[in-house]
C-alpha atoms as a PDB file:
ATOM      1  CA  MET A   1      -3.534 -19.691 -14.136  1.00  0.00           C
ATOM      2  CA  ASP A   2      -5.137 -20.695 -17.933  1.00  0.00           C
ATOM      3  CA  ILE A   3      -2.770 -17.962 -20.216  1.00  0.00           C
ATOM      4  CA  LYS A   4      -4.446 -16.844 -23.078  1.00  0.00           C
ATOM      5  CA  ALA A   5      -1.511 -14.091 -23.985  1.00  0.00           C
ATOM      6  CA  LYS A   6       1.358 -12.800 -22.538  1.00  0.00           C
ATOM      7  CA  ILE A   7       0.576  -8.710 -23.252  1.00  0.00           C
ATOM      8  CA  ILE A   8       3.382  -6.834 -21.723  1.00  0.00           C
ATOM      9  CA  ASP A   9       6.554  -8.122 -20.863  1.00  0.00           C
ATOM     10  CA  GLU A  10       9.290  -7.200 -18.278  1.00  0.00           C
ATOM     11  CA  GLU A  11      11.142  -4.449 -21.009  1.00  0.00           C
ATOM     12  CA  GLY A  12       7.180  -3.431 -22.145  1.00  0.00           C
ATOM     13  CA  PHE A  13       6.491  -2.999 -18.498  1.00  0.00           C
ATOM     14  CA  ASN A  14       9.412  -0.567 -16.784  1.00  0.00           C
ATOM     15  CA  ARG A  15       8.894   1.245 -20.548  1.00  0.00           C
ATOM     16  CA  THR A  16       5.199   2.146 -19.303  1.00  0.00           C
ATOM     17  CA  VAL A  17       5.988   2.608 -15.391  1.00  0.00           C
ATOM     18  CA  THR A  18       8.417   5.725 -16.981  1.00  0.00           C
ATOM     19  CA  ARG A  19       5.442   6.735 -19.407  1.00  0.00           C
ATOM     20  CA  LEU A  20       3.337   6.585 -16.582  1.00  0.00           C
ATOM     21  CA  ALA A  21       5.926   8.569 -14.451  1.00  0.00           C
ATOM     22  CA  HIS A  22       6.676  11.572 -17.277  1.00  0.00           C
ATOM     23  CA  GLU A  23       2.636  11.417 -17.668  1.00  0.00           C
ATOM     24  CA  ILE A  24       2.260  12.668 -14.236  1.00  0.00           C
ATOM     25  CA  LEU A  25       4.754  14.785 -13.515  1.00  0.00           C
ATOM     26  CA  GLU A  26       3.430  16.873 -17.095  1.00  0.00           C
ATOM     27  CA  ARG A  27      -0.209  16.818 -16.257  1.00  0.00           C
ATOM     28  CA  ASN A  28       0.639  18.502 -13.209  1.00  0.00           C
ATOM     29  CA  LYS A  29       3.691  20.651 -13.927  1.00  0.00           C
ATOM     30  CA  GLY A  30       6.047  18.892 -11.561  1.00  0.00           C
ATOM     31  CA  SER A  31       6.141  16.952  -8.668  1.00  0.00           C
ATOM     32  CA  GLN A  32       5.816  19.487  -5.917  1.00  0.00           C
ATOM     33  CA  ASN A  33       1.795  19.021  -4.462  1.00  0.00           C
ATOM     34  CA  VAL A  34       1.368  15.478  -5.768  1.00  0.00           C
ATOM     35  CA  VAL A  35       1.634  12.715  -3.520  1.00  0.00           C
ATOM     36  CA  LEU A  36       1.283   9.166  -4.639  1.00  0.00           C
ATOM     37  CA  ILE A  37      -1.386   6.617  -2.960  1.00  0.00           C
ATOM     38  CA  GLY A  38      -0.936   2.745  -3.602  1.00  0.00           C
ATOM     39  CA  MET A  39      -3.744   0.734  -3.263  1.00  0.00           C
ATOM     40  CA  ARG A  40      -2.786  -2.501  -2.002  1.00  0.00           C
ATOM     41  CA  THR A  41      -2.012  -4.890  -2.942  1.00  0.00           C
ATOM     42  CA  ARG A  42       0.201  -4.665  -6.129  1.00  0.00           C
ATOM     43  CA  GLY A  43      -1.180  -1.081  -6.764  1.00  0.00           C
ATOM     44  CA  GLU A  44       1.557  -0.038  -3.840  1.00  0.00           C
ATOM     45  CA  PHE A  45       4.126  -1.777  -5.648  1.00  0.00           C
ATOM     46  CA  LEU A  46       3.702   0.323  -8.779  1.00  0.00           C
ATOM     47  CA  ALA A  47       2.969   3.071  -6.855  1.00  0.00           C
ATOM     48  CA  GLN A  48       6.779   2.405  -5.198  1.00  0.00           C
ATOM     49  CA  ARG A  49       8.349   2.030  -8.689  1.00  0.00           C
ATOM     50  CA  ILE A  50       6.371   5.492  -9.931  1.00  0.00           C
ATOM     51  CA  LYS A  51       7.820   7.184  -7.245  1.00  0.00           C
ATOM     52  CA  GLU A  52      10.849   6.337  -8.202  1.00  0.00           C
ATOM     53  CA  LYS A  53      10.948   7.513 -11.409  1.00  0.00           C
ATOM     54  CA  ILE A  54       9.366  10.526 -10.625  1.00  0.00           C
ATOM     55  CA  LYS A  55      12.416  11.118  -8.092  1.00  0.00           C
ATOM     56  CA  GLU A  56      15.181  10.203 -11.336  1.00  0.00           C
ATOM     57  CA  ILE A  57      13.285  12.522 -13.823  1.00  0.00           C
ATOM     58  CA  ASP A  58      12.103  15.439 -11.615  1.00  0.00           C
ATOM     59  CA  ARG A  59      14.953  15.326  -8.720  1.00  0.00           C
ATOM     60  CA  SER A  60      12.526  15.316  -5.917  1.00  0.00           C
ATOM     61  CA  GLU A  61      10.301  12.535  -4.199  1.00  0.00           C
ATOM     62  CA  PRO A  62       6.718  12.943  -3.799  1.00  0.00           C
ATOM     63  CA  SER A  63       5.579  11.578  -0.207  1.00  0.00           C
ATOM     64  CA  TYR A  64       3.923   7.972  -0.416  1.00  0.00           C
ATOM     65  CA  GLY A  65       1.212   6.198   1.059  1.00  0.00           C
ATOM     66  CA  THR A  66      -0.451   2.582   0.838  1.00  0.00           C
ATOM     67  CA  LEU A  67      -4.619   2.528   1.012  1.00  0.00           C
ATOM     68  CA  ASP A  68      -6.102  -0.259   1.915  1.00  0.00           C
ATOM     69  CA  ALA A  69     -10.068   0.027   1.011  1.00  0.00           C
ATOM     70  CA  THR A  70     -11.491  -3.402   1.493  1.00  0.00           C
ATOM     71  CA  LEU A  71     -14.155  -2.396   4.543  1.00  0.00           C
ATOM     72  CA  TYR A  72     -15.554   0.548   2.129  1.00  0.00           C
ATOM     73  CA  ARG A  73     -16.465  -1.881  -0.914  1.00  0.00           C
ATOM     74  CA  ASP A  74     -19.852  -1.964  -1.102  1.00  0.00           C
ATOM     75  CA  ASP A  75     -19.902  -5.841  -1.736  1.00  0.00           C
ATOM     76  CA  PHE A  76     -18.181  -6.722   2.040  1.00  0.00           C
ATOM     77  CA  ARG A  77     -20.739  -8.503   3.800  1.00  0.00           C
ATOM     78  CA  THR A  78     -22.307  -9.915   0.443  1.00  0.00           C
ATOM     79  CA  ARG A  79     -19.088 -10.922  -2.229  1.00  0.00           C
ATOM     80  CA  LEU A  80     -16.370 -11.308   0.237  1.00  0.00           C
ATOM     81  CA  LYS A  81     -16.084 -14.080   1.991  1.00  0.00           C
ATOM     82  CA  GLN A  82     -12.969 -13.939   4.624  1.00  0.00           C
ATOM     83  CA  PRO A  83     -11.905 -10.737   3.848  1.00  0.00           C
ATOM     84  CA  GLU A  84      -8.210  -9.991   4.069  1.00  0.00           C
ATOM     85  CA  ILE A  85      -7.518  -6.752   5.472  1.00  0.00           C
ATOM     86  CA  SER A  86      -3.963  -4.945   5.246  1.00  0.00           C
ATOM     87  CA  VAL A  87      -3.278  -1.519   7.004  1.00  0.00           C
ATOM     88  CA  THR A  88      -3.542   1.537   5.350  1.00  0.00           C
ATOM     89  CA  ASP A  89      -0.647   3.577   5.846  1.00  0.00           C
ATOM     90  CA  ILE A  90      -0.925   7.354   5.147  1.00  0.00           C
ATOM     91  CA  THR A  91       1.355   9.384   7.505  1.00  0.00           C
ATOM     92  CA  PHE A  92       1.295  13.039   5.510  1.00  0.00           C
ATOM     93  CA  ASP A  93      -2.036  15.516   5.284  1.00  0.00           C
ATOM     94  CA  VAL A  94      -3.661  15.105   2.268  1.00  0.00           C
ATOM     95  CA  ASN A  95      -5.783  18.338   2.566  1.00  0.00           C
ATOM     96  CA  ASP A  96      -5.023  20.334  -1.187  1.00  0.00           C
ATOM     97  CA  LYS A  97      -2.711  17.858  -2.864  1.00  0.00           C
ATOM     98  CA  ASP A  98      -3.301  16.586  -5.504  1.00  0.00           C
ATOM     99  CA  ILE A  99      -3.232  12.760  -5.308  1.00  0.00           C
ATOM    100  CA  ILE A 100      -2.057  10.228  -7.614  1.00  0.00           C
ATOM    101  CA  LEU A 101      -4.222   7.145  -6.431  1.00  0.00           C
ATOM    102  CA  ILE A 102      -2.797   4.130  -8.285  1.00  0.00           C
ATOM    103  CA  ASP A 103      -3.882   0.755  -9.188  1.00  0.00           C
ATOM    104  CA  ASP A 104      -3.039  -2.492 -11.208  1.00  0.00           C
ATOM    105  CA  VAL A 105      -6.205  -3.007 -12.663  1.00  0.00           C
ATOM    106  CA  LEU A 106      -9.459  -0.795 -13.741  1.00  0.00           C
ATOM    107  CA  TYR A 107     -12.303  -3.386 -14.345  1.00  0.00           C
ATOM    108  CA  THR A 108     -16.181  -2.267 -12.455  1.00  0.00           C
ATOM    109  CA  GLY A 109     -14.629   0.757 -11.140  1.00  0.00           C
ATOM    110  CA  ARG A 110     -16.176  -0.363  -7.317  1.00  0.00           C
ATOM    111  CA  THR A 111     -12.490  -1.173  -5.818  1.00  0.00           C
ATOM    112  CA  VAL A 112     -12.086   2.561  -7.020  1.00  0.00           C
ATOM    113  CA  ARG A 113     -15.271   4.461  -5.584  1.00  0.00           C
ATOM    114  CA  ALA A 114     -14.337   2.495  -1.806  1.00  0.00           C
ATOM    115  CA  ALA A 115     -11.036   4.197  -2.518  1.00  0.00           C
ATOM    116  CA  LEU A 116     -12.241   7.707  -2.855  1.00  0.00           C
ATOM    117  CA  ASP A 117     -14.638   7.241   0.175  1.00  0.00           C
ATOM    118  CA  ALA A 118     -11.487   6.305   2.728  1.00  0.00           C
ATOM    119  CA  LEU A 119      -9.697   8.994   1.070  1.00  0.00           C
ATOM    120  CA  MET A 120     -12.567  11.853   1.624  1.00  0.00           C
ATOM    121  CA  ASP A 121     -12.440  10.240   5.353  1.00  0.00           C
ATOM    122  CA  LEU A 122      -8.795  11.612   5.209  1.00  0.00           C
ATOM    123  CA  GLY A 123      -9.088  14.838   4.016  1.00  0.00           C
ATOM    124  CA  ARG A 124      -9.920  17.454   1.499  1.00  0.00           C
ATOM    125  CA  PRO A 125      -7.395  17.086  -1.306  1.00  0.00           C
ATOM    126  CA  ASN A 126      -7.320  19.685  -4.518  1.00  0.00           C
ATOM    127  CA  THR A 127      -7.522  16.999  -6.764  1.00  0.00           C
ATOM    128  CA  ILE A 128      -8.037  12.679  -7.208  1.00  0.00           C
ATOM    129  CA  GLN A 129      -6.393  11.137 -10.450  1.00  0.00           C
ATOM    130  CA  LEU A 130      -6.273   7.866 -10.802  1.00  0.00           C
ATOM    131  CA  CYS A 131      -3.237   5.892 -12.478  1.00  0.00           C
ATOM    132  CA  VAL A 132      -3.739   2.195 -13.456  1.00  0.00           C
ATOM    133  CA  MET A 133      -1.251  -0.204 -15.319  1.00  0.00           C
ATOM    134  CA  VAL A 134      -4.010  -1.629 -17.250  1.00  0.00           C
ATOM    135  CA  ASP A 135      -7.963  -0.708 -18.047  1.00  0.00           C
ATOM    136  CA  ARG A 136      -9.669  -3.758 -18.752  1.00  0.00           C
ATOM    137  CA  GLY A 137     -13.322  -2.290 -19.311  1.00  0.00           C
ATOM    138  CA  HIS A 138     -16.551  -3.765 -18.155  1.00  0.00           C
ATOM    139  CA  ARG A 139     -17.325  -0.534 -15.765  1.00  0.00           C
ATOM    140  CA  GLU A 140     -20.606  -0.762 -13.437  1.00  0.00           C
ATOM    141  CA  LEU A 141     -20.132   2.987 -12.144  1.00  0.00           C
ATOM    142  CA  PRO A 142     -18.656   6.328 -14.021  1.00  0.00           C
ATOM    143  CA  ILE A 143     -15.453   6.220 -13.236  1.00  0.00           C
ATOM    144  CA  ARG A 144     -12.259   6.654 -15.610  1.00  0.00           C
ATOM    145  CA  ALA A 145      -8.141   6.865 -15.497  1.00  0.00           C
ATOM    146  CA  ASP A 146      -6.336   9.677 -15.823  1.00  0.00           C
ATOM    147  CA  PHE A 147      -3.363   8.149 -16.481  1.00  0.00           C
ATOM    148  CA  VAL A 148      -3.495   4.035 -18.190  1.00  0.00           C
ATOM    149  CA  GLY A 149      -0.686   2.064 -18.397  1.00  0.00           C
ATOM    150  CA  LYS A 150      -2.687   0.120 -21.194  1.00  0.00           C
ATOM    151  CA  ASN A 151      -6.142  -0.724 -22.398  1.00  0.00           C
ATOM    152  CA  ILE A 152      -7.437  -4.057 -22.631  1.00  0.00           C
ATOM    153  CA  PRO A 153     -10.435  -4.744 -23.634  1.00  0.00           C
ATOM    154  CA  THR A 154     -11.331  -8.327 -22.003  1.00  0.00           C
ATOM    155  CA  SER A 155     -14.412 -10.652 -22.699  1.00  0.00           C
ATOM    156  CA  ILE A 156     -16.065 -11.294 -19.334  1.00  0.00           C
ATOM    157  CA  ASN A 157     -14.837 -14.912 -19.395  1.00  0.00           C
ATOM    158  CA  GLU A 158     -11.527 -12.995 -19.509  1.00  0.00           C
ATOM    159  CA  GLU A 159      -9.365 -11.413 -16.906  1.00  0.00           C
ATOM    160  CA  ILE A 160      -5.939  -9.466 -16.222  1.00  0.00           C
ATOM    161  CA  ARG A 161      -3.199 -10.766 -14.146  1.00  0.00           C
ATOM    162  CA  VAL A 162      -0.569  -8.180 -13.431  1.00  0.00           C
ATOM    163  CA  ARG A 163       2.597  -9.818 -12.054  1.00  0.00           C
ATOM    164  CA  MET A 164       5.131  -8.036 -10.245  1.00  0.00           C
ATOM    165  CA  LYS A 165       8.561  -9.237  -8.814  1.00  0.00           C
ATOM    166  CA  GLU A 166       7.878  -8.713  -5.356  1.00  0.00           C
ATOM    167  CA  ILE A 167       5.340 -10.753  -4.818  1.00  0.00           C
ATOM    168  CA  ASP A 168       5.283 -12.966  -8.058  1.00  0.00           C
ATOM    169  CA  ASP A 169       8.900 -12.612  -9.371  1.00  0.00           C
ATOM    170  CA  GLU A 170       8.221 -11.371 -12.923  1.00  0.00           C
ATOM    171  CA  ASP A 171       7.505  -8.081 -14.609  1.00  0.00           C
ATOM    172  CA  ALA A 172       4.163  -8.936 -16.586  1.00  0.00           C
ATOM    173  CA  VAL A 173       1.134  -8.431 -17.631  1.00  0.00           C
ATOM    174  CA  TYR A 174      -0.833 -11.481 -18.779  1.00  0.00           C
ATOM    175  CA  LEU A 175      -4.668 -12.277 -20.279  1.00  0.00           C
ATOM    176  CA  VAL A 176      -6.023 -15.147 -19.069  1.00  0.00           C
ATOM    177  CA  ASN A 177      -9.586 -16.995 -19.066  1.00  0.00           C
ATOM    178  CA  ALA A 178     -11.069 -16.254 -15.610  1.00  0.00           C
ATOM    179  CA  PRO A 179     -11.600 -19.526 -13.032  1.00  0.00           C
ATOM    180  CA  SER A 180     -15.323 -20.834 -13.481  1.00  0.00           C
ATOM    181  CA  LYS A 181     -17.323 -20.114 -11.235  1.00  0.00           C
ATOM    182  CA  ASN A 182     -18.976 -23.396 -10.250  1.00  0.00           C
END
């Protein structure tokens, strides 16, 4: 990983998760109708943390599930050579719920579009709101996040790497040089 800058450290990461939980509760007037769905892989861990914060703040625990939208991607057959397919784990009814779809980084919007298609196959939610740790810009589709931890404008030669203790042994957000495509 060719690091250009550490944008968020562990303390900042925790503050951001807390703020996102508060914003979700404020916009939805509590957690009574809220369900959290984390996108594989780091989005699921971010969703678990937000769930715990909401439980602390609101004294109720929203339903939680995970979503793998790989098979719904428009580049599934062209770009992804050997896609890793995980399991979607949503064991509750999504009809008439306020779904908070959670991911680590919002970039082109294509993963979110795929996730929306997957969610609509599960039912008819009241709303679907998008929560991301980082919005890096460069959208290819008209998609925007409702809750953003941090906006980090990037060049096309840069990437954002969100690292989480659950799989990376640290909580941090890095700006890195994108690997060359040679």
